[in-house]
Amino acid sequence: MSEIIYPRSCRETMDGWMHLPRYIDKIRLHLAGKLHPDYQANLGKGFDGLWLQYAGVTHEQMVEVVRNSVCDGEVCDWIHQHVKKSAAEKAAHAQDQLSRPKADDPAAQERFKMRLKESGLEHRTDLKTFVDYIDADEKRI
């Protein structure tokens, strides 16, 4: 599998949740056997895991919801019915994701620099967060 089908941007939202559309795309691609190997190790982890933590559901639950849905609207309906979080909690999740790597996390700061270098993006001084990096690496910005 050499061609990468990119999931949506981390910045996209669904039912007020940042990252959720990307996570759904990754699950759908995985279920179809089309998720590029670069994404497989972190499926349900990383930013997916951060969303799961804030939402209070498991990766296994989300895989089943996506597996049993035909469209994003059905997933959104399930989220709306089963994930009862306030707008403030959803905003806190978005802010948390947009603030990574955190200034007080030297290991994450180094990982960020390493990712930039590996992708040939170390010259991009406008990339400050992992969300920025992902959008640049997937050729959105």
N, C-alpha and C. Protein backbone atom coordinates (compact mmCIF):
# COMPACT_ATOMS: atom_id res chain seq x y z
N MET A 1 0.86 -1.16 0.00
CA MET A 1 0.00 0.00 0.00
C MET A 1 0.90 1.23 0.00
N SER A 2 1.00 1.92 -1.12
CA SER A 2 1.91 3.05 -1.19
C SER A 2 1.17 4.38 -1.20
N GLU A 3 -0.01 4.43 -1.73
CA GLU A 3 -0.75 5.68 -1.80
C GLU A 3 -1.43 5.96 -0.45
N ILE A 4 -1.21 7.18 0.04
CA ILE A 4 -1.81 7.55 1.32
C ILE A 4 -3.12 8.27 1.06
N ILE A 5 -4.17 7.79 1.69
CA ILE A 5 -5.44 8.51 1.71
C ILE A 5 -5.45 9.26 3.03
N TYR A 6 -5.36 10.57 2.95
CA TYR A 6 -5.28 11.36 4.17
C TYR A 6 -6.65 11.51 4.82
N PRO A 7 -6.72 11.30 6.12
CA PRO A 7 -7.96 11.62 6.84
C PRO A 7 -8.12 13.14 6.91
N ARG A 8 -9.30 13.57 7.28
CA ARG A 8 -9.53 15.01 7.41
C ARG A 8 -8.59 15.64 8.43
N SER A 9 -8.51 16.94 8.37
CA SER A 9 -7.65 17.70 9.27
C SER A 9 -8.11 17.53 10.72
N CYS A 10 -7.14 17.60 11.63
CA CYS A 10 -7.45 17.60 13.07
C CYS A 10 -8.37 18.76 13.43
N ARG A 11 -8.32 19.83 12.66
CA ARG A 11 -9.07 21.05 12.97
C ARG A 11 -10.57 20.93 12.67
N GLU A 12 -10.94 19.93 11.86
CA GLU A 12 -12.36 19.80 11.52
C GLU A 12 -13.14 19.33 12.75
N THR A 13 -14.40 19.74 12.81
CA THR A 13 -15.23 19.44 13.96
C THR A 13 -16.51 18.70 13.56
N MET A 14 -17.08 18.03 14.55
CA MET A 14 -18.38 17.37 14.41
C MET A 14 -19.04 17.41 15.78
N ASP A 15 -20.26 17.85 15.84
CA ASP A 15 -20.99 17.98 17.10
C ASP A 15 -20.18 18.76 18.14
N GLY A 16 -19.41 19.74 17.64
CA GLY A 16 -18.60 20.59 18.52
C GLY A 16 -17.28 20.00 18.94
N TRP A 17 -16.97 18.79 18.46
CA TRP A 17 -15.74 18.11 18.82
C TRP A 17 -14.68 18.27 17.74
N MET A 18 -13.58 18.92 18.08
CA MET A 18 -12.43 18.97 17.18
C MET A 18 -11.82 17.57 17.10
N HIS A 19 -11.30 17.22 15.96
CA HIS A 19 -10.59 15.96 15.69
C HIS A 19 -11.53 14.78 15.39
N LEU A 20 -12.75 14.81 15.82
CA LEU A 20 -13.64 13.67 15.64
C LEU A 20 -13.77 13.24 14.18
N PRO A 21 -13.96 14.15 13.21
CA PRO A 21 -14.05 13.68 11.82
C PRO A 21 -12.79 12.94 11.35
N ARG A 22 -11.62 13.41 11.79
CA ARG A 22 -10.37 12.74 11.42
C ARG A 22 -10.34 11.32 11.99
N TYR A 23 -10.71 11.20 13.24
CA TYR A 23 -10.72 9.89 13.90
C TYR A 23 -11.68 8.95 13.18
N ILE A 24 -12.84 9.41 12.81
CA ILE A 24 -13.80 8.60 12.07
C ILE A 24 -13.20 8.15 10.74
N ASP A 25 -12.56 9.08 10.03
CA ASP A 25 -11.92 8.73 8.75
C ASP A 25 -10.89 7.62 8.95
N LYS A 26 -10.08 7.74 10.00
CA LYS A 26 -9.05 6.73 10.24
C LYS A 26 -9.68 5.36 10.53
N ILE A 27 -10.76 5.35 11.30
CA ILE A 27 -11.44 4.08 11.57
C ILE A 27 -12.02 3.50 10.28
N ARG A 28 -12.69 4.33 9.48
CA ARG A 28 -13.27 3.83 8.22
C ARG A 28 -12.19 3.27 7.30
N LEU A 29 -11.07 4.00 7.18
CA LEU A 29 -9.98 3.51 6.34
C LEU A 29 -9.42 2.19 6.87
N HIS A 30 -9.29 2.09 8.19
CA HIS A 30 -8.80 0.85 8.80
C HIS A 30 -9.76 -0.31 8.51
N LEU A 31 -11.04 -0.08 8.69
CA LEU A 31 -12.02 -1.14 8.45
C LEU A 31 -12.03 -1.59 6.99
N ALA A 32 -11.70 -0.67 6.08
CA ALA A 32 -11.66 -0.99 4.65
C ALA A 32 -10.30 -1.54 4.21
N GLY A 33 -9.36 -1.65 5.15
CA GLY A 33 -8.03 -2.13 4.81
C GLY A 33 -7.21 -1.11 4.03
N LYS A 34 -7.56 0.17 4.15
CA LYS A 34 -6.88 1.22 3.38
C LYS A 34 -6.14 2.24 4.25
N LEU A 35 -6.05 1.98 5.54
CA LEU A 35 -5.33 2.91 6.41
C LEU A 35 -3.83 2.68 6.21
N HIS A 36 -3.16 3.72 5.78
CA HIS A 36 -1.72 3.62 5.49
C HIS A 36 -0.98 3.18 6.76
N PRO A 37 0.08 2.37 6.61
CA PRO A 37 0.83 1.90 7.78
C PRO A 37 1.32 3.02 8.69
N ASP A 38 1.60 4.20 8.15
CA ASP A 38 2.06 5.32 8.97
C ASP A 38 1.05 5.71 10.05
N TYR A 39 -0.22 5.39 9.85
CA TYR A 39 -1.28 5.77 10.78
C TYR A 39 -1.70 4.63 11.71
N GLN A 40 -1.33 3.42 11.38
CA GLN A 40 -1.88 2.26 12.09
C GLN A 40 -1.43 2.16 13.55
N ALA A 41 -0.18 2.46 13.83
CA ALA A 41 0.32 2.30 15.20
C ALA A 41 -0.38 3.22 16.19
N ASN A 42 -0.83 4.38 15.73
CA ASN A 42 -1.46 5.34 16.63
C ASN A 42 -2.98 5.37 16.55
N LEU A 43 -3.57 4.45 15.82
CA LEU A 43 -5.03 4.42 15.75
C LEU A 43 -5.59 4.17 17.14
N GLY A 44 -6.40 5.08 17.62
CA GLY A 44 -6.97 4.97 18.96
C GLY A 44 -6.05 5.51 20.04
N LYS A 45 -4.89 6.00 19.64
CA LYS A 45 -3.90 6.57 20.57
C LYS A 45 -3.61 8.01 20.14
N GLY A 46 -2.62 8.62 20.76
CA GLY A 46 -2.26 9.98 20.37
C GLY A 46 -3.45 10.91 20.49
N PHE A 47 -3.70 11.68 19.43
CA PHE A 47 -4.84 12.60 19.45
C PHE A 47 -6.17 11.86 19.46
N ASP A 48 -6.23 10.67 18.86
CA ASP A 48 -7.45 9.85 18.95
C ASP A 48 -7.71 9.54 20.43
N GLY A 49 -6.66 9.11 21.12
CA GLY A 49 -6.77 8.78 22.54
C GLY A 49 -7.14 9.98 23.39
N LEU A 50 -6.62 11.14 23.03
CA LEU A 50 -6.97 12.37 23.76
C LEU A 50 -8.47 12.64 23.60
N TRP A 51 -8.99 12.48 22.37
CA TRP A 51 -10.43 12.67 22.16
C TRP A 51 -11.22 11.64 22.97
N LEU A 52 -10.79 10.39 22.94
CA LEU A 52 -11.49 9.34 23.69
C LEU A 52 -11.53 9.66 25.18
N GLN A 53 -10.42 10.15 25.69
CA GLN A 53 -10.34 10.50 27.11
C GLN A 53 -11.34 11.60 27.45
N TYR A 54 -11.37 12.65 26.67
CA TYR A 54 -12.30 13.75 26.93
C TYR A 54 -13.75 13.31 26.75
N ALA A 55 -14.01 12.48 25.74
CA ALA A 55 -15.38 12.06 25.44
C ALA A 55 -15.88 10.99 26.41
N GLY A 56 -14.96 10.23 26.99
CA GLY A 56 -15.35 9.19 27.93
C GLY A 56 -15.88 7.93 27.27
N VAL A 57 -15.37 7.62 26.10
CA VAL A 57 -15.73 6.38 25.41
C VAL A 57 -14.45 5.63 25.07
N THR A 58 -14.60 4.38 24.68
CA THR A 58 -13.43 3.57 24.34
C THR A 58 -13.24 3.51 22.82
N HIS A 59 -12.03 3.17 22.44
CA HIS A 59 -11.74 2.98 21.02
C HIS A 59 -12.63 1.87 20.45
N GLU A 60 -12.79 0.81 21.21
CA GLU A 60 -13.61 -0.31 20.74
C GLU A 60 -15.06 0.12 20.49
N GLN A 61 -15.59 0.98 21.38
CA GLN A 61 -16.95 1.50 21.16
C GLN A 61 -17.01 2.28 19.86
N MET A 62 -16.02 3.14 19.63
CA MET A 62 -16.04 3.97 18.43
C MET A 62 -15.90 3.12 17.17
N VAL A 63 -15.08 2.10 17.21
CA VAL A 63 -14.95 1.23 16.04
C VAL A 63 -16.29 0.59 15.72
N GLU A 64 -17.01 0.13 16.74
CA GLU A 64 -18.32 -0.49 16.51
C GLU A 64 -19.34 0.52 15.98
N VAL A 65 -19.33 1.72 16.53
CA VAL A 65 -20.25 2.75 16.06
C VAL A 65 -19.99 3.04 14.58
N VAL A 66 -18.74 3.22 14.22
CA VAL A 66 -18.40 3.52 12.83
C VAL A 66 -18.70 2.31 11.94
N ARG A 67 -18.36 1.13 12.40
CA ARG A 67 -18.63 -0.10 11.63
C ARG A 67 -20.13 -0.23 11.31
N ASN A 68 -20.98 0.14 12.25
CA ASN A 68 -22.42 -0.03 12.09
C ASN A 68 -23.13 1.20 11.52
N SER A 69 -22.35 2.15 11.01
CA SER A 69 -22.95 3.35 10.42
C SER A 69 -22.68 3.38 8.92
N VAL A 70 -23.57 4.07 8.24
CA VAL A 70 -23.41 4.25 6.80
C VAL A 70 -22.76 5.60 6.51
N CYS A 71 -23.05 6.58 7.35
CA CYS A 71 -22.56 7.93 7.09
C CYS A 71 -22.16 8.62 8.39
N ASP A 72 -21.47 9.74 8.24
CA ASP A 72 -21.04 10.51 9.40
C ASP A 72 -22.22 10.98 10.24
N GLY A 73 -23.34 11.24 9.62
CA GLY A 73 -24.50 11.71 10.36
C GLY A 73 -24.94 10.71 11.42
N GLU A 74 -24.86 9.42 11.10
CA GLU A 74 -25.23 8.40 12.08
C GLU A 74 -24.24 8.37 13.24
N VAL A 75 -22.96 8.55 12.95
CA VAL A 75 -21.96 8.60 14.01
C VAL A 75 -22.21 9.83 14.87
N CYS A 76 -22.47 10.95 14.22
CA CYS A 76 -22.74 12.19 14.94
C CYS A 76 -23.96 12.05 15.85
N ASP A 77 -24.99 11.40 15.35
CA ASP A 77 -26.18 11.17 16.17
C ASP A 77 -25.84 10.34 17.40
N TRP A 78 -25.03 9.30 17.23
CA TRP A 78 -24.64 8.45 18.35
C TRP A 78 -23.84 9.27 19.37
N ILE A 79 -22.91 10.05 18.89
CA ILE A 79 -22.09 10.90 19.77
C ILE A 79 -22.99 11.85 20.55
N HIS A 80 -23.89 12.48 19.84
CA HIS A 80 -24.80 13.46 20.48
C HIS A 80 -25.65 12.80 21.57
N GLN A 81 -26.06 11.55 21.35
CA GLN A 81 -26.90 10.84 22.31
C GLN A 81 -26.12 10.24 23.48
N HIS A 82 -24.87 9.82 23.24
CA HIS A 82 -24.14 9.06 24.25
C HIS A 82 -22.97 9.79 24.91
N VAL A 83 -22.53 10.88 24.33
CA VAL A 83 -21.40 11.63 24.89
C VAL A 83 -21.93 12.98 25.35
N LYS A 84 -22.27 13.05 26.61
CA LYS A 84 -22.90 14.24 27.17
C LYS A 84 -21.82 15.15 27.78
N LYS A 85 -21.25 15.99 26.95
CA LYS A 85 -20.23 16.93 27.40
C LYS A 85 -20.66 18.34 27.02
N SER A 86 -20.30 19.27 27.86
CA SER A 86 -20.67 20.67 27.63
C SER A 86 -19.80 21.30 26.55
N ALA A 87 -20.25 22.42 26.06
CA ALA A 87 -19.45 23.18 25.09
C ALA A 87 -18.10 23.55 25.69
N ALA A 88 -18.08 23.86 26.97
CA ALA A 88 -16.82 24.21 27.65
C ALA A 88 -15.87 23.01 27.68
N GLU A 89 -16.40 21.82 27.91
CA GLU A 89 -15.55 20.62 27.91
C GLU A 89 -15.00 20.33 26.51
N LYS A 90 -15.83 20.54 25.50
CA LYS A 90 -15.37 20.35 24.12
C LYS A 90 -14.31 21.39 23.77
N ALA A 91 -14.50 22.60 24.23
CA ALA A 91 -13.52 23.67 23.98
C ALA A 91 -12.21 23.38 24.70
N ALA A 92 -12.29 22.82 25.91
CA ALA A 92 -11.08 22.45 26.65
C ALA A 92 -10.30 21.38 25.90
N HIS A 93 -11.01 20.43 25.32
CA HIS A 93 -10.34 19.40 24.51
C HIS A 93 -9.63 20.05 23.33
N ALA A 94 -10.31 20.93 22.62
CA ALA A 94 -9.70 21.59 21.46
C ALA A 94 -8.46 22.37 21.87
N GLN A 95 -8.57 23.12 22.96
CA GLN A 95 -7.43 23.90 23.43
C GLN A 95 -6.26 23.00 23.83
N ASP A 96 -6.56 21.89 24.48
CA ASP A 96 -5.53 20.95 24.87
C ASP A 96 -4.81 20.42 23.63
N GLN A 97 -5.57 20.03 22.62
CA GLN A 97 -4.96 19.49 21.41
C GLN A 97 -4.15 20.56 20.69
N LEU A 98 -4.68 21.77 20.63
CA LEU A 98 -3.99 22.85 19.91
C LEU A 98 -2.76 23.38 20.65
N SER A 99 -2.57 22.97 21.89
CA SER A 99 -1.43 23.47 22.66
C SER A 99 -0.27 22.47 22.72
N ARG A 100 -0.36 21.42 21.95
CA ARG A 100 0.69 20.39 21.99
C ARG A 100 1.67 20.56 20.85
N PRO A 101 2.97 20.46 21.11
CA PRO A 101 3.59 20.02 22.33
C PRO A 101 3.58 21.12 23.39
N LYS A 102 3.34 20.72 24.60
CA LYS A 102 3.29 21.66 25.73
C LYS A 102 4.70 22.17 26.03
N ALA A 103 4.78 23.42 26.43
CA ALA A 103 6.06 24.06 26.71
C ALA A 103 6.82 23.36 27.83
N ASP A 104 6.09 22.76 28.78
CA ASP A 104 6.73 22.11 29.93
C ASP A 104 6.95 20.61 29.71
N ASP A 105 6.93 20.16 28.45
CA ASP A 105 7.14 18.75 28.12
C ASP A 105 8.32 18.63 27.15
N PRO A 106 9.55 18.57 27.69
CA PRO A 106 10.72 18.53 26.82
C PRO A 106 10.74 17.33 25.86
N ALA A 107 10.23 16.19 26.30
CA ALA A 107 10.21 15.01 25.43
C ALA A 107 9.30 15.26 24.22
N ALA A 108 8.15 15.86 24.45
CA ALA A 108 7.23 16.17 23.35
C ALA A 108 7.82 17.25 22.44
N GLN A 109 8.51 18.22 23.02
CA GLN A 109 9.17 19.26 22.23
C GLN A 109 10.21 18.63 21.30
N GLU A 110 10.98 17.69 21.81
CA GLU A 110 11.99 17.01 20.99
C GLU A 110 11.34 16.15 19.91
N ARG A 111 10.26 15.46 20.26
CA ARG A 111 9.53 14.64 19.28
C ARG A 111 9.00 15.52 18.15
N PHE A 112 8.50 16.71 18.51
CA PHE A 112 7.99 17.65 17.52
C PHE A 112 9.12 18.06 16.56
N LYS A 113 10.27 18.41 17.10
CA LYS A 113 11.42 18.80 16.27
C LYS A 113 11.85 17.64 15.37
N MET A 114 11.84 16.43 15.92
CA MET A 114 12.22 15.25 15.15
C MET A 114 11.24 15.03 13.99
N ARG A 115 9.95 15.16 14.26
CA ARG A 115 8.93 14.98 13.21
C ARG A 115 9.12 16.01 12.09
N LEU A 116 9.37 17.27 12.48
CA LEU A 116 9.61 18.30 11.48
C LEU A 116 10.80 17.94 10.60
N LYS A 117 11.87 17.50 11.22
CA LYS A 117 13.08 17.16 10.48
C LYS A 117 12.84 15.96 9.57
N GLU A 118 12.20 14.92 10.10
CA GLU A 118 11.92 13.72 9.31
C GLU A 118 11.09 14.03 8.06
N SER A 119 10.21 15.01 8.19
CA SER A 119 9.32 15.37 7.08
C SER A 119 9.89 16.46 6.19
N GLY A 120 11.10 16.93 6.51
CA GLY A 120 11.69 18.01 5.73
C GLY A 120 11.01 19.34 5.93
N LEU A 121 10.42 19.51 7.10
CA LEU A 121 9.66 20.74 7.39
C LEU A 121 10.33 21.61 8.44
N GLU A 122 11.59 21.31 8.80
CA GLU A 122 12.24 22.07 9.86
C GLU A 122 12.41 23.55 9.51
N HIS A 123 12.35 23.89 8.23
CA HIS A 123 12.44 25.30 7.81
C HIS A 123 11.15 26.07 8.03
N ARG A 124 10.05 25.38 8.34
CA ARG A 124 8.74 26.02 8.50
C ARG A 124 8.59 26.57 9.91
N THR A 125 8.99 27.80 10.11
CA THR A 125 8.93 28.44 11.43
C THR A 125 7.49 28.75 11.85
N ASP A 126 6.55 28.66 10.91
CA ASP A 126 5.15 28.91 11.24
C ASP A 126 4.49 27.71 11.91
N LEU A 127 5.13 26.57 11.91
CA LEU A 127 4.56 25.36 12.50
C LEU A 127 4.93 25.31 13.97
N LYS A 128 3.95 25.50 14.84
CA LYS A 128 4.20 25.60 16.28
C LYS A 128 3.63 24.44 17.07
N THR A 129 2.68 23.71 16.51
CA THR A 129 2.01 22.64 17.24
C THR A 129 1.95 21.38 16.38
N PHE A 130 1.62 20.26 17.01
CA PHE A 130 1.45 19.02 16.26
C PHE A 130 0.30 19.13 15.26
N VAL A 131 -0.72 19.90 15.58
CA VAL A 131 -1.82 20.09 14.63
C VAL A 131 -1.31 20.82 13.39
N ASP A 132 -0.50 21.85 13.59
CA ASP A 132 0.12 22.55 12.46
C ASP A 132 0.96 21.57 11.64
N TYR A 133 1.77 20.80 12.34
CA TYR A 133 2.65 19.84 11.67
C TYR A 133 1.85 18.85 10.82
N ILE A 134 0.80 18.28 11.39
CA ILE A 134 -0.01 17.30 10.66
C ILE A 134 -0.60 17.93 9.40
N ASP A 135 -1.14 19.13 9.52
CA ASP A 135 -1.70 19.80 8.33
C ASP A 135 -0.63 20.06 7.28
N ALA A 136 0.57 20.43 7.70
CA ALA A 136 1.66 20.68 6.75
C ALA A 136 2.13 19.36 6.14
N ASP A 137 2.31 18.34 6.96
CA ASP A 137 2.78 17.05 6.48
C ASP A 137 1.80 16.43 5.49
N GLU A 138 0.51 16.69 5.69
CA GLU A 138 -0.51 16.16 4.79
C GLU A 138 -0.86 17.15 3.69
N LYS A 139 0.00 18.17 3.55
CA LYS A 139 -0.05 19.14 2.45
C LYS A 139 -1.32 19.98 2.41
N ARG A 140 -1.84 20.35 3.59
CA ARG A 140 -2.99 21.25 3.67
C ARG A 140 -2.55 22.70 3.80
N ILE A 141 -1.40 22.90 4.46
CA ILE A 141 -0.90 24.28 4.64
C ILE A 141 0.57 24.33 4.23
